Amino acid sequence: MNLSDRALRLAFLGMGHDPEDIIDYIAEWSSVIVSLVLGIAMAMFIGKFLGAWMAPIAGVGVYAIGVAFGNYAFLRRHAKR
């Protein structure tokens, strides 16, 4: 095992997979994080202008749409395998 393989395993908690798997791992987690941030921002925005009772609904909805879009955009090519 060379130094770059060790660095990748350390960075990705022992994953010893292909570079494609590591890219998918990054894509999945970045999609979740971006969706979470957008969901929180939308909940705050809706809560301020429309009412506190609509904030959780808007936040969860935007989060779900963001994760679904990220899944479709980054991982749709794996469904064909």
Protein backbone atom coordinates (compact mmCIF):
# COMPACT_ATOMS: atom_id res chain seq x y z
CA MET A 1 0.00 0.00 0.00
CA ASN A 2 1.52 3.31 -1.06
CA LEU A 3 1.21 6.66 0.68
CA SER A 4 -1.74 7.94 -1.37
CA ASP A 5 -3.77 4.79 -0.61
CA ARG A 6 -3.06 5.19 3.09
CA ALA A 7 -4.07 8.86 2.97
CA LEU A 8 -7.36 8.01 1.26
CA ARG A 9 -8.11 5.25 3.78
CA LEU A 10 -7.37 7.60 6.65
CA ALA A 11 -9.48 10.40 5.17
CA PHE A 12 -12.46 8.15 4.48
CA LEU A 13 -12.40 6.09 7.67
CA GLY A 14 -10.89 2.92 6.30
CA MET A 15 -12.75 2.73 3.02
CA GLY A 16 -10.60 0.70 0.67
CA HIS A 17 -12.78 1.01 -2.41
CA ASP A 18 -12.42 2.32 -5.91
CA PRO A 19 -12.08 6.06 -6.50
CA GLU A 20 -15.64 5.98 -7.88
CA ASP A 21 -16.94 4.83 -4.49
CA ILE A 22 -15.10 7.63 -2.72
CA ILE A 23 -16.52 10.20 -5.12
CA ASP A 24 -20.00 8.80 -4.50
CA TYR A 25 -19.40 9.03 -0.74
CA ILE A 26 -18.45 12.69 -1.07
CA ALA A 27 -21.44 13.36 -3.34
CA GLU A 28 -23.89 11.74 -0.93
CA TRP A 29 -22.67 13.60 2.12
CA SER A 30 -22.37 16.94 0.36
CA SER A 31 -25.94 16.50 -0.90
CA VAL A 32 -27.17 15.79 2.63
CA ILE A 33 -25.29 18.75 4.14
CA VAL A 34 -26.41 21.22 1.47
CA SER A 35 -30.01 20.00 1.77
CA LEU A 36 -29.88 20.35 5.54
CA VAL A 37 -28.57 23.91 5.33
CA LEU A 38 -31.19 24.86 2.74
CA GLY A 39 -33.95 23.24 4.80
CA ILE A 40 -32.95 25.18 7.92
CA ALA A 41 -32.68 28.43 5.98
CA MET A 42 -36.09 27.92 4.39
CA ALA A 43 -37.64 27.05 7.76
CA MET A 44 -36.25 30.25 9.25
CA PHE A 45 -37.46 32.32 6.29
CA ILE A 46 -40.95 30.82 6.26
CA GLY A 47 -41.19 31.00 10.04
CA LYS A 48 -40.38 34.69 10.02
CA PHE A 49 -42.79 35.73 7.28
CA LEU A 50 -45.65 33.21 7.27
CA GLY A 51 -45.83 31.76 10.75
CA ALA A 52 -44.04 29.43 13.09
CA TRP A 53 -46.39 26.52 12.43
CA MET A 54 -45.36 26.36 8.75
CA ALA A 55 -41.61 26.46 9.40
CA PRO A 56 -41.07 22.74 10.16
CA ILE A 57 -43.20 21.71 7.19
CA ALA A 58 -41.22 23.93 4.83
CA GLY A 59 -37.88 22.85 6.30
CA VAL A 60 -38.58 19.14 6.02
CA GLY A 61 -40.02 19.58 2.53
CA VAL A 62 -37.02 21.48 1.21
CA TYR A 63 -34.67 18.97 2.83
CA ALA A 64 -36.48 16.03 1.23
CA ILE A 65 -36.55 17.67 -2.19
CA GLY A 66 -32.85 18.54 -1.89
CA VAL A 67 -31.84 15.00 -0.97
CA ALA A 68 -33.98 13.54 -3.75
CA PHE A 69 -32.47 15.94 -6.28
CA GLY A 70 -28.95 15.19 -5.06
CA ASN A 71 -29.62 11.46 -5.29
CA TYR A 72 -30.91 11.83 -8.83
CA ALA A 73 -28.13 14.17 -9.94
CA PHE A 74 -25.16 12.30 -8.47
CA LEU A 75 -26.16 8.66 -8.22
CA ARG A 76 -28.54 7.96 -11.11
CA ARG A 77 -25.83 6.27 -13.16
CA HIS A 78 -25.52 3.50 -10.56
CA ALA A 79 -29.12 2.41 -11.01
CA LYS A 80 -28.22 1.15 -14.49
CA ARG A 81 -25.68 -1.39 -13.19
